[in-house]
Amino acid sequence: MGYFSYLMWMLPALIISLIAQGLVNSAYNKNSKIQNMRGMTGAEAARQVLLANNVSGVNIVPVQGKLTDHFDPRNNTIYLSEGVYNATTIAAVGIAAHEAGHAVQHAEGYLPNKIRGALVPVTNFGSRIGWILILIGFAMSGFYAYYGTVNTESLTYQLGGIILVLGIILYSSSLVFTLVTLPVEFNASNRALKVIRDSQLLTGDQYRGAKQTLTAAALTYVAAAVTALLQLLRVIAIAKRRR
């Protein structure tokens, strides 16, 4: 019954995640086969976004892998994957411009991006330690239930409850992180698409193809937020059934 209940909680998140990933793969595969009319590479598109926003001092370098593109604020570097850096496809232009959008956010001190950066160490700690404390809290709370009795006045039970709540609070940092990530990702895409449109890097169907690619990628972050929310609500629901 517990396993069935878990599936009912997580099934929506699983479906959304599969749909989002499917859309990403479909959009990328489609638009990575179409050459842009200007013959512009991903690296050149990223530079154009930086130039349009008067941002300098950002390195743009290739990195191995597929869809491993990212901006690292620690060394102010945009890393573009093998299928993006020198590629002249619609997808390459869109993805590279998006990563440049993150570099622009960093240069301008975009508040949600700063909050997200500050949450990284907190989330890394909370997501790891939080689950451990949750499991310990459940184990201590269920110790007496295993033997057929639940002594809610026992020190073990009460201490387990405190540890459980602490674990939930720590784990909730991952939800906060995914929620803050949403405006950061959508804003980076909007910045990228604005330059692509205004500078006419892509037009017509090619512009729409780049927008389709970035929109599909953004949905993966929505799926991650939904998954984190449902997992947290599931843990809270179980915790509230403690007797």
C-alpha atoms as a PDB file:
ATOM      1  CA  MET A   1       0.000   0.000   0.000  1.00  0.00           C
ATOM      2  CA  GLY A   2       2.880   2.349   0.862  1.00  0.00           C
ATOM      3  CA  TYR A   3       4.573   1.698  -2.482  1.00  0.00           C
ATOM      4  CA  PHE A   4       1.306   2.314  -4.370  1.00  0.00           C
ATOM      5  CA  SER A   5       0.787   5.540  -2.438  1.00  0.00           C
ATOM      6  CA  TYR A   6       4.324   6.666  -3.313  1.00  0.00           C
ATOM      7  CA  LEU A   7       3.668   6.002  -7.000  1.00  0.00           C
ATOM      8  CA  MET A   8       0.484   8.064  -6.868  1.00  0.00           C
ATOM      9  CA  TRP A   9       2.440  10.962  -5.386  1.00  0.00           C
ATOM     10  CA  MET A  10       5.352  10.761  -7.818  1.00  0.00           C
ATOM     11  CA  LEU A  11       3.585   9.659 -11.017  1.00  0.00           C
ATOM     12  CA  PRO A  12       2.677  13.225 -12.099  1.00  0.00           C
ATOM     13  CA  ALA A  13       6.288  14.341 -11.625  1.00  0.00           C
ATOM     14  CA  LEU A  14       7.558  11.319 -13.543  1.00  0.00           C
ATOM     15  CA  ILE A  15       5.186  11.992 -16.434  1.00  0.00           C
ATOM     16  CA  ILE A  16       6.123  15.686 -16.564  1.00  0.00           C
ATOM     17  CA  SER A  17       9.838  14.827 -16.458  1.00  0.00           C
ATOM     18  CA  LEU A  18       9.503  12.308 -19.289  1.00  0.00           C
ATOM     19  CA  ILE A  19       7.501  14.753 -21.403  1.00  0.00           C
ATOM     20  CA  ALA A  20       9.997  17.563 -20.765  1.00  0.00           C
ATOM     21  CA  GLN A  21      12.978  15.372 -21.618  1.00  0.00           C
ATOM     22  CA  GLY A  22      11.221  14.109 -24.719  1.00  0.00           C
ATOM     23  CA  LEU A  23      10.539  17.664 -25.876  1.00  0.00           C
ATOM     24  CA  VAL A  24      14.171  18.640 -25.297  1.00  0.00           C
ATOM     25  CA  ASN A  25      15.505  15.701 -27.286  1.00  0.00           C
ATOM     26  CA  SER A  26      12.969  16.236 -30.056  1.00  0.00           C
ATOM     27  CA  ALA A  27      13.636  19.976 -30.359  1.00  0.00           C
ATOM     28  CA  TYR A  28      17.412  19.560 -30.167  1.00  0.00           C
ATOM     29  CA  ASN A  29      17.554  16.709 -32.662  1.00  0.00           C
ATOM     30  CA  LYS A  30      15.341  18.613 -35.094  1.00  0.00           C
ATOM     31  CA  ASN A  31      17.049  21.994 -34.858  1.00  0.00           C
ATOM     32  CA  SER A  32      20.586  20.622 -34.655  1.00  0.00           C
ATOM     33  CA  LYS A  33      20.155  19.365 -38.224  1.00  0.00           C
ATOM     34  CA  ILE A  34      19.134  22.717 -39.704  1.00  0.00           C
ATOM     35  CA  GLN A  35      21.905  25.165 -40.626  1.00  0.00           C
ATOM     36  CA  ASN A  36      21.230  28.811 -39.853  1.00  0.00           C
ATOM     37  CA  MET A  37      21.109  31.092 -42.889  1.00  0.00           C
ATOM     38  CA  ARG A  38      23.958  33.328 -41.678  1.00  0.00           C
ATOM     39  CA  GLY A  39      26.380  30.479 -41.100  1.00  0.00           C
ATOM     40  CA  MET A  40      27.003  31.767 -37.569  1.00  0.00           C
ATOM     41  CA  THR A  41      28.622  29.386 -35.093  1.00  0.00           C
ATOM     42  CA  GLY A  42      27.471  28.937 -31.525  1.00  0.00           C
ATOM     43  CA  ALA A  43      30.581  30.700 -30.235  1.00  0.00           C
ATOM     44  CA  GLU A  44      29.909  33.674 -32.510  1.00  0.00           C
ATOM     45  CA  ALA A  45      26.285  33.844 -31.347  1.00  0.00           C
ATOM     46  CA  ALA A  46      27.416  33.907 -27.714  1.00  0.00           C
ATOM     47  CA  ARG A  47      29.837  36.752 -28.482  1.00  0.00           C
ATOM     48  CA  GLN A  48      27.042  38.662 -30.212  1.00  0.00           C
ATOM     49  CA  VAL A  49      24.823  38.437 -27.125  1.00  0.00           C
ATOM     50  CA  LEU A  50      27.681  39.664 -24.922  1.00  0.00           C
ATOM     51  CA  LEU A  51      28.446  42.509 -27.336  1.00  0.00           C
ATOM     52  CA  ALA A  52      24.799  43.576 -27.540  1.00  0.00           C
ATOM     53  CA  ASN A  53      24.731  43.861 -23.739  1.00  0.00           C
ATOM     54  CA  ASN A  54      28.129  45.602 -23.451  1.00  0.00           C
ATOM     55  CA  VAL A  55      29.611  42.712 -21.482  1.00  0.00           C
ATOM     56  CA  SER A  56      33.334  42.048 -21.853  1.00  0.00           C
ATOM     57  CA  GLY A  57      35.956  39.832 -20.233  1.00  0.00           C
ATOM     58  CA  VAL A  58      33.988  36.607 -20.693  1.00  0.00           C
ATOM     59  CA  ASN A  59      35.840  33.591 -22.084  1.00  0.00           C
ATOM     60  CA  ILE A  60      34.097  31.236 -24.515  1.00  0.00           C
ATOM     61  CA  VAL A  61      35.676  27.799 -24.751  1.00  0.00           C
ATOM     62  CA  PRO A  62      34.672  24.346 -26.052  1.00  0.00           C
ATOM     63  CA  VAL A  63      33.923  21.460 -23.690  1.00  0.00           C
ATOM     64  CA  GLN A  64      33.435  17.772 -24.367  1.00  0.00           C
ATOM     65  CA  GLY A  65      30.051  16.065 -24.239  1.00  0.00           C
ATOM     66  CA  LYS A  66      26.525  16.569 -25.511  1.00  0.00           C
ATOM     67  CA  LEU A  67      24.383  19.339 -24.014  1.00  0.00           C
ATOM     68  CA  THR A  68      27.114  20.080 -21.454  1.00  0.00           C
ATOM     69  CA  ASP A  69      26.879  23.798 -22.161  1.00  0.00           C
ATOM     70  CA  HIS A  70      27.046  26.061 -19.118  1.00  0.00           C
ATOM     71  CA  PHE A  71      28.349  29.343 -17.752  1.00  0.00           C
ATOM     72  CA  ASP A  72      30.741  29.230 -14.802  1.00  0.00           C
ATOM     73  CA  PRO A  73      30.681  32.512 -12.842  1.00  0.00           C
ATOM     74  CA  ARG A  74      33.765  31.485 -10.862  1.00  0.00           C
ATOM     75  CA  ASN A  75      36.051  32.031 -13.847  1.00  0.00           C
ATOM     76  CA  ASN A  76      33.634  34.033 -16.007  1.00  0.00           C
ATOM     77  CA  THR A  77      33.691  31.412 -18.740  1.00  0.00           C
ATOM     78  CA  ILE A  78      31.045  30.091 -21.116  1.00  0.00           C
ATOM     79  CA  TYR A  79      31.565  26.418 -21.907  1.00  0.00           C
ATOM     80  CA  LEU A  80      29.986  25.251 -25.150  1.00  0.00           C
ATOM     81  CA  SER A  81      29.660  21.575 -26.062  1.00  0.00           C
ATOM     82  CA  GLU A  82      31.106  19.974 -29.170  1.00  0.00           C
ATOM     83  CA  GLY A  83      27.768  20.198 -30.979  1.00  0.00           C
ATOM     84  CA  VAL A  84      27.419  23.908 -30.232  1.00  0.00           C
ATOM     85  CA  TYR A  85      30.786  25.712 -30.193  1.00  0.00           C
ATOM     86  CA  ASN A  86      31.691  25.417 -33.883  1.00  0.00           C
ATOM     87  CA  ALA A  87      28.277  24.283 -35.113  1.00  0.00           C
ATOM     88  CA  THR A  88      26.209  26.538 -37.356  1.00  0.00           C
ATOM     89  CA  THR A  89      22.820  25.046 -36.570  1.00  0.00           C
ATOM     90  CA  ILE A  90      19.714  26.724 -35.208  1.00  0.00           C
ATOM     91  CA  ALA A  91      20.030  24.792 -31.950  1.00  0.00           C
ATOM     92  CA  ALA A  92      23.675  25.834 -31.549  1.00  0.00           C
ATOM     93  CA  VAL A  93      22.815  29.517 -31.882  1.00  0.00           C
ATOM     94  CA  GLY A  94      19.941  29.260 -29.383  1.00  0.00           C
ATOM     95  CA  ILE A  95      21.859  27.274 -26.769  1.00  0.00           C
ATOM     96  CA  ALA A  96      25.002  29.404 -26.999  1.00  0.00           C
ATOM     97  CA  ALA A  97      22.975  32.603 -26.779  1.00  0.00           C
ATOM     98  CA  HIS A  98      21.205  31.237 -23.692  1.00  0.00           C
ATOM     99  CA  GLU A  99      24.503  30.574 -21.913  1.00  0.00           C
ATOM    100  CA  ALA A 100      25.653  34.056 -22.851  1.00  0.00           C
ATOM    101  CA  GLY A 101      22.428  35.266 -21.249  1.00  0.00           C
ATOM    102  CA  HIS A 102      23.659  33.783 -17.968  1.00  0.00           C
ATOM    103  CA  ALA A 103      26.943  35.653 -18.381  1.00  0.00           C
ATOM    104  CA  VAL A 104      24.985  38.887 -18.854  1.00  0.00           C
ATOM    105  CA  GLN A 105      22.970  38.138 -15.708  1.00  0.00           C
ATOM    106  CA  HIS A 106      26.211  37.692 -13.788  1.00  0.00           C
ATOM    107  CA  ALA A 107      27.676  40.917 -15.151  1.00  0.00           C
ATOM    108  CA  GLU A 108      24.549  42.912 -14.311  1.00  0.00           C
ATOM    109  CA  GLY A 109      24.111  41.384 -10.853  1.00  0.00           C
ATOM    110  CA  TYR A 110      20.683  39.953 -11.671  1.00  0.00           C
ATOM    111  CA  LEU A 111      19.148  39.388  -8.216  1.00  0.00           C
ATOM    112  CA  PRO A 112      17.569  35.923  -8.699  1.00  0.00           C
ATOM    113  CA  ASN A 113      20.892  34.738 -10.122  1.00  0.00           C
ATOM    114  CA  LYS A 114      22.758  36.042  -7.057  1.00  0.00           C
ATOM    115  CA  ILE A 115      20.259  34.337  -4.760  1.00  0.00           C
ATOM    116  CA  ARG A 116      20.641  31.094  -6.702  1.00  0.00           C
ATOM    117  CA  GLY A 117      24.422  31.285  -6.426  1.00  0.00           C
ATOM    118  CA  ALA A 118      24.218  31.851  -2.676  1.00  0.00           C
ATOM    119  CA  LEU A 119      21.905  28.841  -2.320  1.00  0.00           C
ATOM    120  CA  VAL A 120      24.280  26.388  -4.036  1.00  0.00           C
ATOM    121  CA  PRO A 121      26.334  25.431  -0.930  1.00  0.00           C
ATOM    122  CA  VAL A 122      23.212  25.438   1.250  1.00  0.00           C
ATOM    123  CA  THR A 123      21.367  23.171  -1.176  1.00  0.00           C
ATOM    124  CA  ASN A 124      24.306  20.800  -1.596  1.00  0.00           C
ATOM    125  CA  PHE A 125      24.507  20.384   2.175  1.00  0.00           C
ATOM    126  CA  GLY A 126      20.763  20.317   2.806  1.00  0.00           C
ATOM    127  CA  SER A 127      19.870  17.808   0.090  1.00  0.00           C
ATOM    128  CA  ARG A 128      22.487  15.327   1.349  1.00  0.00           C
ATOM    129  CA  ILE A 129      22.137  15.730   5.108  1.00  0.00           C
ATOM    130  CA  GLY A 130      18.390  16.370   4.983  1.00  0.00           C
ATOM    131  CA  TRP A 131      17.543  12.897   3.662  1.00  0.00           C
ATOM    132  CA  ILE A 132      19.840  11.273   6.222  1.00  0.00           C
ATOM    133  CA  LEU A 133      18.122  13.107   9.072  1.00  0.00           C
ATOM    134  CA  ILE A 134      14.687  12.286   7.648  1.00  0.00           C
ATOM    135  CA  LEU A 135      15.511   8.570   7.585  1.00  0.00           C
ATOM    136  CA  ILE A 136      16.976   8.712  11.102  1.00  0.00           C
ATOM    137  CA  GLY A 137      13.920  10.603  12.343  1.00  0.00           C
ATOM    138  CA  PHE A 138      11.516   8.069  10.836  1.00  0.00           C
ATOM    139  CA  ALA A 139      13.575   5.188  12.238  1.00  0.00           C
ATOM    140  CA  MET A 140      13.578   6.615  15.755  1.00  0.00           C
ATOM    141  CA  SER A 141       9.880   7.476  15.597  1.00  0.00           C
ATOM    142  CA  GLY A 142       8.993   4.010  14.336  1.00  0.00           C
ATOM    143  CA  PHE A 143      11.162   2.091  16.793  1.00  0.00           C
ATOM    144  CA  TYR A 144       8.339   1.315  19.193  1.00  0.00           C
ATOM    145  CA  ALA A 145       5.826   0.742  16.388  1.00  0.00           C
ATOM    146  CA  TYR A 146       8.040  -2.109  15.183  1.00  0.00           C
ATOM    147  CA  TYR A 147       7.366  -3.896  18.435  1.00  0.00           C
ATOM    148  CA  GLY A 148       3.657  -3.176  18.319  1.00  0.00           C
ATOM    149  CA  THR A 149       3.548  -0.113  20.556  1.00  0.00           C
ATOM    150  CA  VAL A 150       4.144   3.570  20.086  1.00  0.00           C
ATOM    151  CA  ASN A 151       5.164   5.528  23.144  1.00  0.00           C
ATOM    152  CA  THR A 152       4.768   9.134  22.106  1.00  0.00           C
ATOM    153  CA  GLU A 153       6.122  10.266  25.467  1.00  0.00           C
ATOM    154  CA  SER A 154       9.430   8.464  25.044  1.00  0.00           C
ATOM    155  CA  LEU A 155      12.623  10.438  24.563  1.00  0.00           C
ATOM    156  CA  THR A 156      13.478   8.373  21.480  1.00  0.00           C
ATOM    157  CA  TYR A 157      10.170   9.213  19.795  1.00  0.00           C
ATOM    158  CA  GLN A 158      10.327  12.919  20.628  1.00  0.00           C
ATOM    159  CA  LEU A 159      13.964  13.220  19.597  1.00  0.00           C
ATOM    160  CA  GLY A 160      13.124  11.402  16.370  1.00  0.00           C
ATOM    161  CA  GLY A 161      10.427  13.972  15.687  1.00  0.00           C
ATOM    162  CA  ILE A 162      12.863  16.845  16.162  1.00  0.00           C
ATOM    163  CA  ILE A 163      15.427  15.219  13.863  1.00  0.00           C
ATOM    164  CA  LEU A 164      12.701  14.550  11.292  1.00  0.00           C
ATOM    165  CA  VAL A 165      11.561  18.181  11.239  1.00  0.00           C
ATOM    166  CA  LEU A 166      15.160  19.363  10.968  1.00  0.00           C
ATOM    167  CA  GLY A 167      15.702  16.990   8.051  1.00  0.00           C
ATOM    168  CA  ILE A 168      12.587  18.282   6.273  1.00  0.00           C
ATOM    169  CA  ILE A 169      13.730  21.883   6.722  1.00  0.00           C
ATOM    170  CA  LEU A 170      17.171  21.093   5.310  1.00  0.00           C
ATOM    171  CA  TYR A 171      15.753  19.108   2.402  1.00  0.00           C
ATOM    172  CA  SER A 172      13.333  21.926   1.554  1.00  0.00           C
ATOM    173  CA  SER A 173      16.358  23.978   0.480  1.00  0.00           C
ATOM    174  CA  SER A 174      16.429  21.890  -2.708  1.00  0.00           C
ATOM    175  CA  LEU A 175      12.867  22.985  -3.485  1.00  0.00           C
ATOM    176  CA  VAL A 176      13.741  26.626  -2.878  1.00  0.00           C
ATOM    177  CA  PHE A 177      16.740  26.222  -5.182  1.00  0.00           C
ATOM    178  CA  THR A 178      14.672  24.756  -8.022  1.00  0.00           C
ATOM    179  CA  LEU A 179      12.062  27.503  -7.652  1.00  0.00           C
ATOM    180  CA  VAL A 180      14.693  30.258  -7.760  1.00  0.00           C
ATOM    181  CA  THR A 181      16.270  28.559 -10.780  1.00  0.00           C
ATOM    182  CA  LEU A 182      13.081  29.004 -12.830  1.00  0.00           C
ATOM    183  CA  PRO A 183      13.211  32.809 -13.267  1.00  0.00           C
ATOM    184  CA  VAL A 184      16.976  32.606 -13.832  1.00  0.00           C
ATOM    185  CA  GLU A 185      16.594  30.162 -16.723  1.00  0.00           C
ATOM    186  CA  PHE A 186      13.589  31.874 -18.299  1.00  0.00           C
ATOM    187  CA  ASN A 187      15.287  35.259 -18.045  1.00  0.00           C
ATOM    188  CA  ALA A 188      18.472  33.952 -19.696  1.00  0.00           C
ATOM    189  CA  SER A 189      16.398  32.586 -22.574  1.00  0.00           C
ATOM    190  CA  ASN A 190      14.476  35.845 -22.926  1.00  0.00           C
ATOM    191  CA  ARG A 191      17.733  37.804 -23.065  1.00  0.00           C
ATOM    192  CA  ALA A 192      19.091  35.424 -25.694  1.00  0.00           C
ATOM    193  CA  LEU A 193      15.967  35.509 -27.848  1.00  0.00           C
ATOM    194  CA  LYS A 194      15.785  39.306 -27.686  1.00  0.00           C
ATOM    195  CA  VAL A 195      19.287  39.648 -29.146  1.00  0.00           C
ATOM    196  CA  ILE A 196      18.629  36.910 -31.700  1.00  0.00           C
ATOM    197  CA  ARG A 197      15.473  38.723 -32.828  1.00  0.00           C
ATOM    198  CA  ASP A 198      16.714  42.329 -32.643  1.00  0.00           C
ATOM    199  CA  SER A 199      20.051  41.554 -34.319  1.00  0.00           C
ATOM    200  CA  GLN A 200      18.341  39.215 -36.781  1.00  0.00           C
ATOM    201  CA  LEU A 201      20.741  36.396 -36.048  1.00  0.00           C
ATOM    202  CA  LEU A 202      17.802  34.157 -36.872  1.00  0.00           C
ATOM    203  CA  THR A 203      14.507  35.084 -38.491  1.00  0.00           C
ATOM    204  CA  GLY A 204      11.176  33.473 -39.292  1.00  0.00           C
ATOM    205  CA  ASP A 205      11.027  29.720 -38.825  1.00  0.00           C
ATOM    206  CA  GLN A 206      14.663  29.599 -37.717  1.00  0.00           C
ATOM    207  CA  TYR A 207      13.963  32.015 -34.866  1.00  0.00           C
ATOM    208  CA  ARG A 208      10.959  29.924 -33.877  1.00  0.00           C
ATOM    209  CA  GLY A 209      13.160  26.823 -33.939  1.00  0.00           C
ATOM    210  CA  ALA A 210      15.618  28.400 -31.501  1.00  0.00           C
ATOM    211  CA  LYS A 211      12.738  29.495 -29.272  1.00  0.00           C
ATOM    212  CA  GLN A 212      11.313  25.967 -29.365  1.00  0.00           C
ATOM    213  CA  THR A 213      14.658  24.528 -28.271  1.00  0.00           C
ATOM    214  CA  LEU A 214      15.040  26.932 -25.344  1.00  0.00           C
ATOM    215  CA  THR A 215      11.414  26.558 -24.243  1.00  0.00           C
ATOM    216  CA  ALA A 216      11.744  22.776 -24.170  1.00  0.00           C
ATOM    217  CA  ALA A 217      14.947  23.053 -22.138  1.00  0.00           C
ATOM    218  CA  ALA A 218      13.217  25.371 -19.646  1.00  0.00           C
ATOM    219  CA  LEU A 219      10.484  22.784 -19.095  1.00  0.00           C
ATOM    220  CA  THR A 220      13.056  20.408 -17.596  1.00  0.00           C
ATOM    221  CA  TYR A 221      13.538  22.922 -14.777  1.00  0.00           C
ATOM    222  CA  VAL A 222       9.779  23.111 -14.281  1.00  0.00           C
ATOM    223  CA  ALA A 223       9.715  19.319 -14.046  1.00  0.00           C
ATOM    224  CA  ALA A 224      12.529  19.394 -11.482  1.00  0.00           C
ATOM    225  CA  ALA A 225      10.601  21.913  -9.374  1.00  0.00           C
ATOM    226  CA  VAL A 226       7.419  19.815  -9.489  1.00  0.00           C
ATOM    227  CA  THR A 227       9.371  16.688  -8.523  1.00  0.00           C
ATOM    228  CA  ALA A 228      11.052  18.438  -5.586  1.00  0.00           C
ATOM    229  CA  LEU A 229       7.706  19.832  -4.401  1.00  0.00           C
ATOM    230  CA  LEU A 230       5.913  16.480  -4.552  1.00  0.00           C
ATOM    231  CA  GLN A 231       8.753  14.687  -2.776  1.00  0.00           C
ATOM    232  CA  LEU A 232       8.708  17.254   0.009  1.00  0.00           C
ATOM    233  CA  LEU A 233       4.908  17.089   0.338  1.00  0.00           C
ATOM    234  CA  ARG A 234       5.116  13.284   0.431  1.00  0.00           C
ATOM    235  CA  VAL A 235       7.608  13.352   3.302  1.00  0.00           C
ATOM    236  CA  ILE A 236       5.533  15.921   5.192  1.00  0.00           C
ATOM    237  CA  ALA A 237       2.376  13.824   4.716  1.00  0.00           C
ATOM    238  CA  ILE A 238       4.110  10.733   6.127  1.00  0.00           C
ATOM    239  CA  ALA A 239       5.525  12.739   9.023  1.00  0.00           C
ATOM    240  CA  LYS A 240       2.068  14.065   9.935  1.00  0.00           C
ATOM    241  CA  ARG A 241       0.789  10.493  10.254  1.00  0.00           C
ATOM    242  CA  ARG A 242       3.207   9.801  13.095  1.00  0.00           C
ATOM    243  CA  ARG A 243       1.405   8.689  16.217  1.00  0.00           C
END
